[in-house]
Amino acid sequence: MAPNAPATIDPREAAHFGAMAADWWDPRGSSAMLHKLNPVRLRYIRAAIDQHWPGREQAFRPLDGKRALDVGCGAGLLAEPLARLGAAVTGLDAAPENIAAAKAHAEGQGLSIDYRATPVEAMAEDGFDLVTSMEVIEHVADPAAFVRALAAKLAPGGLMILSTPNRTPLSRLAMITIGESIGGIPKGTHDWGKFLTPEELTALLEEAGLNVTDSSGLSFDPARGFALSTNKAINYLLTARHKS
């Protein structure tokens, strides 16, 4: 997509998350819910990587030699593990405050990650082996255009992994009624009307020339926390690849 293509970033959403930058890496701060989600998402991502590129299931760095793009990277909660898995990682975020926090944290960890406060639509490079975007599409102004932009960055034979809340009565209860009152999610983080069902997101991916190859729910149990599940009522992950 041309560098001057309109961005799907919603400025109000960027400002909301930029205000959270200072304590993004505090597991008890405003991003506490993402810290709880991250290990489960990483298990799903690692399994997807191992299935998509078999033969390195026991390797510490299965993404050696591969390029990864994390869109809506925040302060790097996913970008850093991808770098540790061996990928050359580029992280994009709408909030410059998040990018500043991400760069500082990566430097402290001795990680080299190309962080940019750049819309994916304005990025010239493409051909990424892995494209991820976790809990982002529900915050953009035009989900269909956003998915097309993600698909345009994916290399032939590459893998895309997305996660997002489902639009169900249970997700409204869990993520807004409870989550934004006593659950640690900052008020105003979510607009339930912008949540996409798995069927809606699958349709957008197919329209962008991709096939969904796997999906999983993310469920929550007060005793065990988040876990991968067949139940997609609250949140879910999808993997996709170019149609052959």
Foldseek 3Di string as FASTA:
>chain_A
DALPPDFQADVVLQVVLLVQQVCCVPCQAQVVLVVLVLVQVVVVVLVVLCVLDPDCNVPQQSQAPFAEEEEQCFLNSPVVSNVRSHHAYEYEHLHPSRLVNNVVVCVVVVTDHHYDNGGLQNDDAAAGQEYEYEAPLLRTNDNLVSLLSSQRRHHASHKYKYKHWALDPVQCCVCAVCCCPPVSHPHPNGDSVSGHHPVRVQVSNVVSQKHWDDKWAWDQDPVPGTHTHNDNNTMMMIMIHGDD
